[in-house]
Structures are given as C-alpha cells and as structure tokens.
Amino acid sequence: MPSVSSTGIRRADFEVFPSGIAIPTNKVRLERGFQDVGFVFYRNRRTAEAGCNYVDPQNGTSYRIMAGSAQHRPRLITHSPRPGNPPRLPDGTAIPGNVLGQHAVRDLTHFYLEPS
C-alpha cells in the first residue's frame, strides 16, 4: 500500500483496514506495540537489511519490520503462518484470489512506515 511521502504532506498516524484493524504508520510505535502484547521476535536473517520478525502467537502470522536502506523505505511485510499458504495483507487477512502477479502481491503485502 503505497503512501505519500512529501515534505508538505503528513501521513495519518494509523491506517484502518476493512477488517477494522488499525496499523500505526510509525515504525517505532508499531514495534513497541508488538513487543507490549508479547509477540515473539527475532532478528531478520532473510536479507542483509536490518529488521526484526514478530510472530502473532494466536495465528502464527509473521510480521517483518524492515529498517529501510538506500534502496527501500522502512516497511512492514506480512507472511503467511505456514509455508506454501498465500501471503497476507498487513492486517493478517488473506489477499483476494483475483490478485495476480508478484508486483501486485508485493504492493499489498508491503506497508510503508515512517521511520520515527
């Protein structure tokens, strides 16, 4: 879900999904929230970019928060609880079956964050 990043435009503090789940757009606030509710976490080992994975103990969905780099902005990336299952939207719900293509799925699973 792309966001506007202009010096004159401020992004909302939260984005609310059709499921009713609100996700903070601030990286620090989102990580603190995951930690406060007791999500298990471990450092990102999937790429060289710094980040941390948080696992929802209720459904196993994995949320990877990436710090950002010269090539990428800070972002939340959601992963299905089990390998081989379809990817998830940032609120943990399934991506609609009519969404096709790697770039379309990436646009839906990458939720851009403000650094602080």
PDB file of N, CA and C in Angstrom:
ATOM      1  N   MET A   1       0.834  -1.156   0.000  1.00  0.00           N
ATOM      2  CA  MET A   1       0.000   0.000   0.000  1.00  0.00           C
ATOM      3  C   MET A   1       0.887   1.230   0.000  1.00  0.00           C
ATOM      4  N   PRO A   2       1.086   1.838  -1.134  1.00  0.00           N
ATOM      5  CA  PRO A   2       1.978   2.974  -1.221  1.00  0.00           C
ATOM      6  C   PRO A   2       1.442   4.154  -0.418  1.00  0.00           C
ATOM      7  N   SER A   3       2.337   4.948   0.103  1.00  0.00           N
ATOM      8  CA  SER A   3       1.927   6.132   0.834  1.00  0.00           C
ATOM      9  C   SER A   3       2.596   7.353   0.230  1.00  0.00           C
ATOM     10  N   VAL A   4       2.035   8.498   0.528  1.00  0.00           N
ATOM     11  CA  VAL A   4       2.584   9.747   0.034  1.00  0.00           C
ATOM     12  C   VAL A   4       3.706  10.176   0.959  1.00  0.00           C
ATOM     13  N   SER A   5       4.849  10.501   0.422  1.00  0.00           N
ATOM     14  CA  SER A   5       5.968  10.982   1.235  1.00  0.00           C
ATOM     15  C   SER A   5       6.482  12.278   0.645  1.00  0.00           C
ATOM     16  N   SER A   6       5.865  13.350   1.027  1.00  0.00           N
ATOM     17  CA  SER A   6       6.274  14.666   0.578  1.00  0.00           C
ATOM     18  C   SER A   6       6.516  15.511   1.817  1.00  0.00           C
ATOM     19  N   THR A   7       7.421  16.459   1.728  1.00  0.00           N
ATOM     20  CA  THR A   7       7.718  17.280   2.893  1.00  0.00           C
ATOM     21  C   THR A   7       6.513  18.099   3.328  1.00  0.00           C
ATOM     22  N   GLY A   8       5.589  18.391   2.432  1.00  0.00           N
ATOM     23  CA  GLY A   8       4.425  19.198   2.780  1.00  0.00           C
ATOM     24  C   GLY A   8       3.217  18.393   3.218  1.00  0.00           C
ATOM     25  N   ILE A   9       3.259  17.079   3.097  1.00  0.00           N
ATOM     26  CA  ILE A   9       2.103  16.247   3.422  1.00  0.00           C
ATOM     27  C   ILE A   9       2.468  15.310   4.567  1.00  0.00           C
ATOM     28  N   ARG A  10       1.644  15.332   5.625  1.00  0.00           N
ATOM     29  CA  ARG A  10       1.872  14.445   6.759  1.00  0.00           C
ATOM     30  C   ARG A  10       0.919  13.262   6.657  1.00  0.00           C
ATOM     31  N   ARG A  11       1.430  12.086   6.837  1.00  0.00           N
ATOM     32  CA  ARG A  11       0.633  10.867   6.779  1.00  0.00           C
ATOM     33  C   ARG A  11      -0.110  10.679   8.101  1.00  0.00           C
ATOM     34  N   ALA A  12      -1.271  10.043   8.050  1.00  0.00           N
ATOM     35  CA  ALA A  12      -2.046   9.765   9.255  1.00  0.00           C
ATOM     36  C   ALA A  12      -1.249   8.871  10.201  1.00  0.00           C
ATOM     37  N   ASP A  13      -1.568   8.922  11.484  1.00  0.00           N
ATOM     38  CA  ASP A  13      -0.867   8.114  12.487  1.00  0.00           C
ATOM     39  C   ASP A  13      -1.192   6.632  12.372  1.00  0.00           C
ATOM     40  N   PHE A  14      -2.360   6.295  11.825  1.00  0.00           N
ATOM     41  CA  PHE A  14      -2.801   4.914  11.670  1.00  0.00           C
ATOM     42  C   PHE A  14      -3.480   4.753  10.323  1.00  0.00           C
ATOM     43  N   GLU A  15      -3.460   3.541   9.778  1.00  0.00           N
ATOM     44  CA  GLU A  15      -4.278   3.190   8.620  1.00  0.00           C
ATOM     45  C   GLU A  15      -5.224   2.101   9.070  1.00  0.00           C
ATOM     46  N   VAL A  16      -6.512   2.274   8.770  1.00  0.00           N
ATOM     47  CA  VAL A  16      -7.522   1.301   9.177  1.00  0.00           C
ATOM     48  C   VAL A  16      -7.908   0.478   7.954  1.00  0.00           C
ATOM     49  N   PHE A  17      -7.927  -0.838   8.131  1.00  0.00           N
ATOM     50  CA  PHE A  17      -8.266  -1.772   7.062  1.00  0.00           C
ATOM     51  C   PHE A  17      -9.744  -2.141   7.141  1.00  0.00           C
ATOM     52  N   PRO A  18     -10.321  -2.678   6.053  1.00  0.00           N
ATOM     53  CA  PRO A  18     -11.734  -3.070   6.072  1.00  0.00           C
ATOM     54  C   PRO A  18     -12.086  -4.040   7.211  1.00  0.00           C
ATOM     55  N   SER A  19     -11.110  -4.790   7.690  1.00  0.00           N
ATOM     56  CA  SER A  19     -11.335  -5.723   8.800  1.00  0.00           C
ATOM     57  C   SER A  19     -11.547  -4.992  10.129  1.00  0.00           C
ATOM     58  N   GLY A  20     -11.237  -3.677  10.153  1.00  0.00           N
ATOM     59  CA  GLY A  20     -11.347  -2.897  11.377  1.00  0.00           C
ATOM     60  C   GLY A  20     -10.029  -2.766  12.125  1.00  0.00           C
ATOM     61  N   ILE A  21      -8.995  -3.451  11.668  1.00  0.00           N
ATOM     62  CA  ILE A  21      -7.677  -3.391  12.313  1.00  0.00           C
ATOM     63  C   ILE A  21      -6.982  -2.094  11.896  1.00  0.00           C
ATOM     64  N   ALA A  22      -6.468  -1.388  12.888  1.00  0.00           N
ATOM     65  CA  ALA A  22      -5.715  -0.155  12.638  1.00  0.00           C
ATOM     66  C   ALA A  22      -4.234  -0.442  12.846  1.00  0.00           C
ATOM     67  N   ILE A  23      -3.412  -0.046  11.898  1.00  0.00           N
ATOM     68  CA  ILE A  23      -1.968  -0.276  11.975  1.00  0.00           C
ATOM     69  C   ILE A  23      -1.257   1.081  12.037  1.00  0.00           C
ATOM     70  N   PRO A  24      -0.398   1.266  13.046  1.00  0.00           N
ATOM     71  CA  PRO A  24       0.356   2.520  13.121  1.00  0.00           C
ATOM     72  C   PRO A  24       1.260   2.681  11.897  1.00  0.00           C
ATOM     73  N   THR A  25       1.389   3.897  11.423  1.00  0.00           N
ATOM     74  CA  THR A  25       2.270   4.168  10.286  1.00  0.00           C
ATOM     75  C   THR A  25       3.683   4.510  10.748  1.00  0.00           C
ATOM     76  N   ASN A  26       3.889   4.578  12.052  1.00  0.00           N
ATOM     77  CA  ASN A  26       5.183   4.896  12.635  1.00  0.00           C
ATOM     78  C   ASN A  26       5.891   3.596  13.022  1.00  0.00           C
ATOM     79  N   LYS A  27       7.097   3.393  12.512  1.00  0.00           N
ATOM     80  CA  LYS A  27       7.858   2.161  12.750  1.00  0.00           C
ATOM     81  C   LYS A  27       8.083   1.901  14.238  1.00  0.00           C
ATOM     82  N   VAL A  28       8.513   2.905  14.971  1.00  0.00           N
ATOM     83  CA  VAL A  28       8.808   2.744  16.394  1.00  0.00           C
ATOM     84  C   VAL A  28       7.533   2.376  17.166  1.00  0.00           C
ATOM     85  N   ARG A  29       6.442   3.054  16.882  1.00  0.00           N
ATOM     86  CA  ARG A  29       5.176   2.780  17.573  1.00  0.00           C
ATOM     87  C   ARG A  29       4.688   1.366  17.261  1.00  0.00           C
ATOM     88  N   LEU A  30       4.802   0.927  16.017  1.00  0.00           N
ATOM     89  CA  LEU A  30       4.367  -0.415  15.632  1.00  0.00           C
ATOM     90  C   LEU A  30       5.197  -1.480  16.352  1.00  0.00           C
ATOM     91  N   GLU A  31       6.526  -1.321  16.361  1.00  0.00           N
ATOM     92  CA  GLU A  31       7.380  -2.296  17.048  1.00  0.00           C
ATOM     93  C   GLU A  31       7.090  -2.335  18.547  1.00  0.00           C
ATOM     94  N   ARG A  32       6.907  -1.174  19.144  1.00  0.00           N
ATOM     95  CA  ARG A  32       6.602  -1.119  20.579  1.00  0.00           C
ATOM     96  C   ARG A  32       5.287  -1.846  20.863  1.00  0.00           C
ATOM     97  N   GLY A  33       4.301  -1.669  19.997  1.00  0.00           N
ATOM     98  CA  GLY A  33       3.022  -2.353  20.167  1.00  0.00           C
ATOM     99  C   GLY A  33       3.163  -3.864  20.099  1.00  0.00           C
ATOM    100  N   PHE A  34       3.921  -4.360  19.119  1.00  0.00           N
ATOM    101  CA  PHE A  34       4.158  -5.805  19.021  1.00  0.00           C
ATOM    102  C   PHE A  34       4.850  -6.325  20.285  1.00  0.00           C
ATOM    103  N   GLN A  35       5.823  -5.578  20.782  1.00  0.00           N
ATOM    104  CA  GLN A  35       6.554  -6.006  21.973  1.00  0.00           C
ATOM    105  C   GLN A  35       5.670  -5.949  23.218  1.00  0.00           C
ATOM    106  N   ASP A  36       4.845  -4.905  23.334  1.00  0.00           N
ATOM    107  CA  ASP A  36       3.983  -4.744  24.505  1.00  0.00           C
ATOM    108  C   ASP A  36       2.954  -5.865  24.636  1.00  0.00           C
ATOM    109  N   VAL A  37       2.491  -6.417  23.506  1.00  0.00           N
ATOM    110  CA  VAL A  37       1.498  -7.504  23.586  1.00  0.00           C
ATOM    111  C   VAL A  37       2.161  -8.883  23.623  1.00  0.00           C
ATOM    112  N   GLY A  38       3.482  -8.914  23.636  1.00  0.00           N
ATOM    113  CA  GLY A  38       4.189 -10.168  23.836  1.00  0.00           C
ATOM    114  C   GLY A  38       4.434 -11.002  22.599  1.00  0.00           C
ATOM    115  N   PHE A  39       4.457 -10.378  21.407  1.00  0.00           N
ATOM    116  CA  PHE A  39       4.795 -11.139  20.209  1.00  0.00           C
ATOM    117  C   PHE A  39       6.237 -11.634  20.326  1.00  0.00           C
ATOM    118  N   VAL A  40       6.463 -12.897  20.005  1.00  0.00           N
ATOM    119  CA  VAL A  40       7.815 -13.442  19.943  1.00  0.00           C
ATOM    120  C   VAL A  40       8.528 -12.743  18.793  1.00  0.00           C
ATOM    121  N   PHE A  41       9.804 -12.402  18.980  1.00  0.00           N
ATOM    122  CA  PHE A  41      10.512 -11.744  17.878  1.00  0.00           C
ATOM    123  C   PHE A  41      11.932 -12.250  17.763  1.00  0.00           C
ATOM    124  N   TYR A  42      12.458 -12.114  16.568  1.00  0.00           N
ATOM    125  CA  TYR A  42      13.841 -12.475  16.272  1.00  0.00           C
ATOM    126  C   TYR A  42      14.333 -11.594  15.144  1.00  0.00           C
ATOM    127  N   ARG A  43      15.628 -11.399  15.083  1.00  0.00           N
ATOM    128  CA  ARG A  43      16.242 -10.531  14.066  1.00  0.00           C
ATOM    129  C   ARG A  43      16.065 -11.121  12.669  1.00  0.00           C
ATOM    130  N   ASN A  44      15.943 -10.242  11.690  1.00  0.00           N
ATOM    131  CA  ASN A  44      15.814 -10.655  10.302  1.00  0.00           C
ATOM    132  C   ASN A  44      17.102 -11.332   9.839  1.00  0.00           C
ATOM    133  N   ARG A  45      16.954 -12.503   9.270  1.00  0.00           N
ATOM    134  CA  ARG A  45      18.098 -13.214   8.693  1.00  0.00           C
ATOM    135  C   ARG A  45      17.871 -13.478   7.202  1.00  0.00           C
ATOM    136  N   ARG A  46      16.746 -13.031   6.705  1.00  0.00           N
ATOM    137  CA  ARG A  46      16.368 -13.305   5.320  1.00  0.00           C
ATOM    138  C   ARG A  46      17.139 -12.442   4.312  1.00  0.00           C
ATOM    139  N   THR A  47      17.462 -11.215   4.721  1.00  0.00           N
ATOM    140  CA  THR A  47      18.198 -10.295   3.845  1.00  0.00           C
ATOM    141  C   THR A  47      19.276  -9.595   4.660  1.00  0.00           C
ATOM    142  N   ALA A  48      20.144  -8.852   3.982  1.00  0.00           N
ATOM    143  CA  ALA A  48      21.203  -8.100   4.673  1.00  0.00           C
ATOM    144  C   ALA A  48      20.645  -6.858   5.367  1.00  0.00           C
ATOM    145  N   GLU A  49      19.483  -6.396   4.962  1.00  0.00           N
ATOM    146  CA  GLU A  49      18.883  -5.202   5.560  1.00  0.00           C
ATOM    147  C   GLU A  49      18.449  -5.494   6.998  1.00  0.00           C
ATOM    148  N   ALA A  50      18.716  -4.542   7.887  1.00  0.00           N
ATOM    149  CA  ALA A  50      18.331  -4.702   9.294  1.00  0.00           C
ATOM    150  C   ALA A  50      16.811  -4.752   9.433  1.00  0.00           C
ATOM    151  N   GLY A  51      16.365  -5.628  10.298  1.00  0.00           N
ATOM    152  CA  GLY A  51      14.940  -5.741  10.543  1.00  0.00           C
ATOM    153  C   GLY A  51      14.670  -6.761  11.630  1.00  0.00           C
ATOM    154  N   CYS A  52      13.397  -6.890  11.972  1.00  0.00           N
ATOM    155  CA  CYS A  52      13.001  -7.801  13.036  1.00  0.00           C
ATOM    156  C   CYS A  52      11.686  -8.470  12.650  1.00  0.00           C
ATOM    157  N   ASN A  53      11.569  -9.755  12.953  1.00  0.00           N
ATOM    158  CA  ASN A  53      10.349 -10.515  12.698  1.00  0.00           C
ATOM    159  C   ASN A  53       9.573 -10.677  13.994  1.00  0.00           C
ATOM    160  N   TYR A  54       8.269 -10.429  13.931  1.00  0.00           N
ATOM    161  CA  TYR A  54       7.384 -10.605  15.074  1.00  0.00           C
ATOM    162  C   TYR A  54       6.354 -11.659  14.683  1.00  0.00           C
ATOM    163  N   VAL A  55       6.052 -12.586  15.594  1.00  0.00           N
ATOM    164  CA  VAL A  55       5.117 -13.661  15.299  1.00  0.00           C
ATOM    165  C   VAL A  55       3.904 -13.536  16.209  1.00  0.00           C
ATOM    166  N   ASP A  56       2.712 -13.482  15.594  1.00  0.00           N
ATOM    167  CA  ASP A  56       1.460 -13.433  16.344  1.00  0.00           C
ATOM    168  C   ASP A  56       1.214 -14.811  16.957  1.00  0.00           C
ATOM    169  N   PRO A  57       1.198 -14.928  18.281  1.00  0.00           N
ATOM    170  CA  PRO A  57       1.040 -16.239  18.904  1.00  0.00           C
ATOM    171  C   PRO A  57      -0.346 -16.854  18.691  1.00  0.00           C
ATOM    172  N   GLN A  58      -1.335 -16.044  18.327  1.00  0.00           N
ATOM    173  CA  GLN A  58      -2.690 -16.564  18.137  1.00  0.00           C
ATOM    174  C   GLN A  58      -2.878 -17.254  16.794  1.00  0.00           C
ATOM    175  N   ASN A  59      -2.244 -16.716  15.741  1.00  0.00           N
ATOM    176  CA  ASN A  59      -2.475 -17.308  14.418  1.00  0.00           C
ATOM    177  C   ASN A  59      -1.203 -17.646  13.648  1.00  0.00           C
ATOM    178  N   GLY A  60      -0.038 -17.339  14.217  1.00  0.00           N
ATOM    179  CA  GLY A  60       1.224 -17.687  13.579  1.00  0.00           C
ATOM    180  C   GLY A  60       1.666 -16.768  12.462  1.00  0.00           C
ATOM    181  N   THR A  61       0.882 -15.740  12.144  1.00  0.00           N
ATOM    182  CA  THR A  61       1.282 -14.806  11.090  1.00  0.00           C
ATOM    183  C   THR A  61       2.569 -14.110  11.499  1.00  0.00           C
ATOM    184  N   SER A  62       3.483 -13.982  10.548  1.00  0.00           N
ATOM    185  CA  SER A  62       4.771 -13.340  10.787  1.00  0.00           C
ATOM    186  C   SER A  62       4.754 -11.938  10.190  1.00  0.00           C
ATOM    187  N   TYR A  63       5.192 -10.974  10.986  1.00  0.00           N
ATOM    188  CA  TYR A  63       5.276  -9.580  10.567  1.00  0.00           C
ATOM    189  C   TYR A  63       6.745  -9.181  10.594  1.00  0.00           C
ATOM    190  N   ARG A  64       7.290  -8.859   9.441  1.00  0.00           N
ATOM    191  CA  ARG A  64       8.698  -8.466   9.349  1.00  0.00           C
ATOM    192  C   ARG A  64       8.761  -6.952   9.205  1.00  0.00           C
ATOM    193  N   ILE A  65       9.415  -6.294  10.147  1.00  0.00           N
ATOM    194  CA  ILE A  65       9.587  -4.843  10.091  1.00  0.00           C
ATOM    195  C   ILE A  65      11.024  -4.565   9.680  1.00  0.00           C
ATOM    196  N   MET A  66      11.167  -3.912   8.536  1.00  0.00           N
ATOM    197  CA  MET A  66      12.480  -3.622   7.978  1.00  0.00           C
ATOM    198  C   MET A  66      12.841  -2.161   8.253  1.00  0.00           C
ATOM    199  N   ALA A  67      14.110  -1.933   8.583  1.00  0.00           N
ATOM    200  CA  ALA A  67      14.585  -0.605   8.979  1.00  0.00           C
ATOM    201  C   ALA A  67      14.648   0.384   7.826  1.00  0.00           C
ATOM    202  N   GLY A  68      14.784  -0.113   6.615  1.00  0.00           N
ATOM    203  CA  GLY A  68      14.953   0.767   5.467  1.00  0.00           C
ATOM    204  C   GLY A  68      16.426   0.885   5.103  1.00  0.00           C
ATOM    205  N   SER A  69      16.666   1.285   3.873  1.00  0.00           N
ATOM    206  CA  SER A  69      18.031   1.418   3.367  1.00  0.00           C
ATOM    207  C   SER A  69      18.023   2.447   2.244  1.00  0.00           C
ATOM    208  N   ALA A  70      19.136   2.565   1.553  1.00  0.00           N
ATOM    209  CA  ALA A  70      19.200   3.489   0.421  1.00  0.00           C
ATOM    210  C   ALA A  70      18.227   3.066  -0.684  1.00  0.00           C
ATOM    211  N   GLN A  71      17.952   1.769  -0.792  1.00  0.00           N
ATOM    212  CA  GLN A  71      17.063   1.259  -1.841  1.00  0.00           C
ATOM    213  C   GLN A  71      15.601   1.146  -1.412  1.00  0.00           C
ATOM    214  N   HIS A  72      15.339   1.015  -0.101  1.00  0.00           N
ATOM    215  CA  HIS A  72      13.976   0.750   0.376  1.00  0.00           C
ATOM    216  C   HIS A  72      13.637   1.620   1.577  1.00  0.00           C
ATOM    217  N   ARG A  73      12.378   2.029   1.649  1.00  0.00           N
ATOM    218  CA  ARG A  73      11.904   2.757   2.823  1.00  0.00           C
ATOM    219  C   ARG A  73      11.589   1.764   3.943  1.00  0.00           C
ATOM    220  N   PRO A  74      11.521   2.234   5.197  1.00  0.00           N
ATOM    221  CA  PRO A  74      11.089   1.345   6.274  1.00  0.00           C
ATOM    222  C   PRO A  74       9.704   0.787   5.938  1.00  0.00           C
ATOM    223  N   ARG A  75       9.472  -0.497   6.306  1.00  0.00           N
ATOM    224  CA  ARG A  75       8.212  -1.108   5.915  1.00  0.00           C
ATOM    225  C   ARG A  75       7.888  -2.317   6.773  1.00  0.00           C
ATOM    226  N   LEU A  76       6.610  -2.641   6.764  1.00  0.00           N
ATOM    227  CA  LEU A  76       6.093  -3.855   7.385  1.00  0.00           C
ATOM    228  C   LEU A  76       5.767  -4.814   6.258  1.00  0.00           C
ATOM    229  N   ILE A  77       6.216  -6.059   6.376  1.00  0.00           N
ATOM    230  CA  ILE A  77       5.933  -7.083   5.370  1.00  0.00           C
ATOM    231  C   ILE A  77       5.265  -8.239   6.102  1.00  0.00           C
ATOM    232  N   THR A  78       4.126  -8.682   5.595  1.00  0.00           N
ATOM    233  CA  THR A  78       3.423  -9.780   6.253  1.00  0.00           C
ATOM    234  C   THR A  78       3.672 -11.088   5.532  1.00  0.00           C
ATOM    235  N   HIS A  79       3.701 -12.172   6.319  1.00  0.00           N
ATOM    236  CA  HIS A  79       3.929 -13.509   5.776  1.00  0.00           C
ATOM    237  C   HIS A  79       2.884 -14.457   6.330  1.00  0.00           C
ATOM    238  N   SER A  80       2.503 -15.399   5.534  1.00  0.00           N
ATOM    239  CA  SER A  80       1.554 -16.428   5.938  1.00  0.00           C
ATOM    240  C   SER A  80       2.122 -17.239   7.091  1.00  0.00           C
ATOM    241  N   PRO A  81       1.240 -17.748   7.969  1.00  0.00           N
ATOM    242  CA  PRO A  81       1.745 -18.536   9.095  1.00  0.00           C
ATOM    243  C   PRO A  81       2.427 -19.839   8.697  1.00  0.00           C
ATOM    244  N   ARG A  82       2.097 -20.394   7.548  1.00  0.00           N
ATOM    245  CA  ARG A  82       2.707 -21.660   7.128  1.00  0.00           C
ATOM    246  C   ARG A  82       3.250 -21.546   5.714  1.00  0.00           C
ATOM    247  N   PRO A  83       4.422 -22.112   5.467  1.00  0.00           N
ATOM    248  CA  PRO A  83       4.972 -22.081   4.102  1.00  0.00           C
ATOM    249  C   PRO A  83       3.981 -22.687   3.107  1.00  0.00           C
ATOM    250  N   GLY A  84       3.916 -22.081   1.947  1.00  0.00           N
ATOM    251  CA  GLY A  84       3.023 -22.582   0.901  1.00  0.00           C
ATOM    252  C   GLY A  84       1.637 -21.965   0.941  1.00  0.00           C
ATOM    253  N   ASN A  85       1.269 -21.321   2.055  1.00  0.00           N
ATOM    254  CA  ASN A  85      -0.022 -20.634   2.119  1.00  0.00           C
ATOM    255  C   ASN A  85       0.099 -19.278   1.445  1.00  0.00           C
ATOM    256  N   PRO A  86      -1.017 -18.723   0.979  1.00  0.00           N
ATOM    257  CA  PRO A  86      -0.935 -17.417   0.313  1.00  0.00           C
ATOM    258  C   PRO A  86      -0.475 -16.323   1.279  1.00  0.00           C
ATOM    259  N   PRO A  87       0.177 -15.270   0.750  1.00  0.00           N
ATOM    260  CA  PRO A  87       0.610 -14.162   1.594  1.00  0.00           C
ATOM    261  C   PRO A  87      -0.600 -13.470   2.232  1.00  0.00           C
ATOM    262  N   ARG A  88      -0.333 -12.648   3.208  1.00  0.00           N
ATOM    263  CA  ARG A  88      -1.379 -11.951   3.954  1.00  0.00           C
ATOM    264  C   ARG A  88      -1.280 -10.442   3.778  1.00  0.00           C
ATOM    265  N   LEU A  89      -2.424  -9.761   3.933  1.00  0.00           N
ATOM    266  CA  LEU A  89      -2.451  -8.303   3.984  1.00  0.00           C
ATOM    267  C   LEU A  89      -1.857  -7.866   5.324  1.00  0.00           C
ATOM    268  N   PRO A  90      -1.475  -6.597   5.466  1.00  0.00           N
ATOM    269  CA  PRO A  90      -0.892  -6.145   6.728  1.00  0.00           C
ATOM    270  C   PRO A  90      -1.781  -6.374   7.954  1.00  0.00           C
ATOM    271  N   ASP A  91      -3.094  -6.466   7.781  1.00  0.00           N
ATOM    272  CA  ASP A  91      -3.975  -6.717   8.931  1.00  0.00           C
ATOM    273  C   ASP A  91      -4.141  -8.208   9.224  1.00  0.00           C
ATOM    274  N   GLY A  92      -3.425  -9.067   8.454  1.00  0.00           N
ATOM    275  CA  GLY A  92      -3.461 -10.506   8.686  1.00  0.00           C
ATOM    276  C   GLY A  92      -4.505 -11.259   7.883  1.00  0.00           C
ATOM    277  N   THR A  93      -5.343 -10.557   7.128  1.00  0.00           N
ATOM    278  CA  THR A  93      -6.361 -11.221   6.327  1.00  0.00           C
ATOM    279  C   THR A  93      -5.770 -11.695   4.995  1.00  0.00           C
ATOM    280  N   ALA A  94      -6.453 -12.638   4.378  1.00  0.00           N
ATOM    281  CA  ALA A  94      -5.982 -13.212   3.114  1.00  0.00           C
ATOM    282  C   ALA A  94      -6.103 -12.204   1.973  1.00  0.00           C
ATOM    283  N   ILE A  95      -5.178 -12.294   1.035  1.00  0.00           N
ATOM    284  CA  ILE A  95      -5.248 -11.477  -0.175  1.00  0.00           C
ATOM    285  C   ILE A  95      -6.334 -12.072  -1.065  1.00  0.00           C
ATOM    286  N   PRO A  96      -7.192 -11.229  -1.642  1.00  0.00           N
ATOM    287  CA  PRO A  96      -8.242 -11.747  -2.523  1.00  0.00           C
ATOM    288  C   PRO A  96      -7.669 -12.615  -3.647  1.00  0.00           C
ATOM    289  N   GLY A  97      -8.379 -13.664  -4.010  1.00  0.00           N
ATOM    290  CA  GLY A  97      -7.914 -14.624  -5.005  1.00  0.00           C
ATOM    291  C   GLY A  97      -7.751 -14.057  -6.401  1.00  0.00           C
ATOM    292  N   ASN A  98      -8.357 -12.911  -6.681  1.00  0.00           N
ATOM    293  CA  ASN A  98      -8.262 -12.344  -8.027  1.00  0.00           C
ATOM    294  C   ASN A  98      -7.032 -11.462  -8.212  1.00  0.00           C
ATOM    295  N   VAL A  99      -6.197 -11.312  -7.178  1.00  0.00           N
ATOM    296  CA  VAL A  99      -4.961 -10.526  -7.291  1.00  0.00           C
ATOM    297  C   VAL A  99      -3.880 -11.439  -7.840  1.00  0.00           C
ATOM    298  N   LEU A 100      -3.371 -11.068  -8.994  1.00  0.00           N
ATOM    299  CA  LEU A 100      -2.369 -11.901  -9.662  1.00  0.00           C
ATOM    300  C   LEU A 100      -1.074 -11.124  -9.864  1.00  0.00           C
ATOM    301  N   GLY A 101       0.012 -11.825  -9.893  1.00  0.00           N
ATOM    302  CA  GLY A 101       1.308 -11.217 -10.218  1.00  0.00           C
ATOM    303  C   GLY A 101       2.093 -10.833  -8.992  1.00  0.00           C
ATOM    304  N   GLN A 102       3.406 -11.031  -9.088  1.00  0.00           N
ATOM    305  CA  GLN A 102       4.320 -10.770  -7.978  1.00  0.00           C
ATOM    306  C   GLN A 102       4.276  -9.315  -7.522  1.00  0.00           C
ATOM    307  N   HIS A 103       4.230  -8.362  -8.465  1.00  0.00           N
ATOM    308  CA  HIS A 103       4.248  -6.953  -8.090  1.00  0.00           C
ATOM    309  C   HIS A 103       2.947  -6.532  -7.429  1.00  0.00           C
ATOM    310  N   ALA A 104       1.830  -7.060  -7.882  1.00  0.00           N
ATOM    311  CA  ALA A 104       0.539  -6.744  -7.263  1.00  0.00           C
ATOM    312  C   ALA A 104       0.505  -7.256  -5.831  1.00  0.00           C
ATOM    313  N   VAL A 105       0.989  -8.469  -5.620  1.00  0.00           N
ATOM    314  CA  VAL A 105       1.032  -9.042  -4.268  1.00  0.00           C
ATOM    315  C   VAL A 105       1.990  -8.232  -3.395  1.00  0.00           C
ATOM    316  N   ARG A 106       3.151  -7.863  -3.916  1.00  0.00           N
ATOM    317  CA  ARG A 106       4.118  -7.066  -3.151  1.00  0.00           C
ATOM    318  C   ARG A 106       3.503  -5.735  -2.732  1.00  0.00           C
ATOM    319  N   ASP A 107       2.771  -5.098  -3.629  1.00  0.00           N
ATOM    320  CA  ASP A 107       2.133  -3.829  -3.285  1.00  0.00           C
ATOM    321  C   ASP A 107       1.162  -3.989  -2.121  1.00  0.00           C
ATOM    322  N   LEU A 108       0.523  -5.141  -2.011  1.00  0.00           N
ATOM    323  CA  LEU A 108      -0.439  -5.380  -0.940  1.00  0.00           C
ATOM    324  C   LEU A 108       0.212  -5.848   0.361  1.00  0.00           C
ATOM    325  N   THR A 109       1.348  -6.503   0.289  1.00  0.00           N
ATOM    326  CA  THR A 109       1.977  -7.050   1.499  1.00  0.00           C
ATOM    327  C   THR A 109       3.042  -6.132   2.095  1.00  0.00           C
ATOM    328  N   HIS A 110       3.472  -5.102   1.367  1.00  0.00           N
ATOM    329  CA  HIS A 110       4.459  -4.159   1.873  1.00  0.00           C
ATOM    330  C   HIS A 110       3.740  -2.888   2.319  1.00  0.00           C
ATOM    331  N   PHE A 111       3.785  -2.617   3.609  1.00  0.00           N
ATOM    332  CA  PHE A 111       3.118  -1.465   4.218  1.00  0.00           C
ATOM    333  C   PHE A 111       4.210  -0.502   4.646  1.00  0.00           C
ATOM    334  N   TYR A 112       4.307   0.629   3.969  1.00  0.00           N
ATOM    335  CA  TYR A 112       5.404   1.557   4.230  1.00  0.00           C
ATOM    336  C   TYR A 112       5.200   2.325   5.529  1.00  0.00           C
ATOM    337  N   LEU A 113       6.298   2.526   6.254  1.00  0.00           N
ATOM    338  CA  LEU A 113       6.267   3.135   7.572  1.00  0.00           C
ATOM    339  C   LEU A 113       7.101   4.409   7.599  1.00  0.00           C
ATOM    340  N   GLU A 114       6.718   5.306   8.494  1.00  0.00           N
ATOM    341  CA  GLU A 114       7.542   6.477   8.778  1.00  0.00           C
ATOM    342  C   GLU A 114       8.606   6.016   9.771  1.00  0.00           C
ATOM    343  N   PRO A 115       9.874   6.460   9.625  1.00  0.00           N
ATOM    344  CA  PRO A 115      10.953   5.930  10.457  1.00  0.00           C
ATOM    345  C   PRO A 115      10.764   6.171  11.965  1.00  0.00           C
ATOM    346  N   SER A 116      10.237   7.306  12.356  1.00  0.00           N
ATOM    347  CA  SER A 116      10.051   7.555  13.794  1.00  0.00           C
ATOM    348  C   SER A 116       8.989   8.583  14.028  1.00  0.00           C
TER     349      SER A 116
END
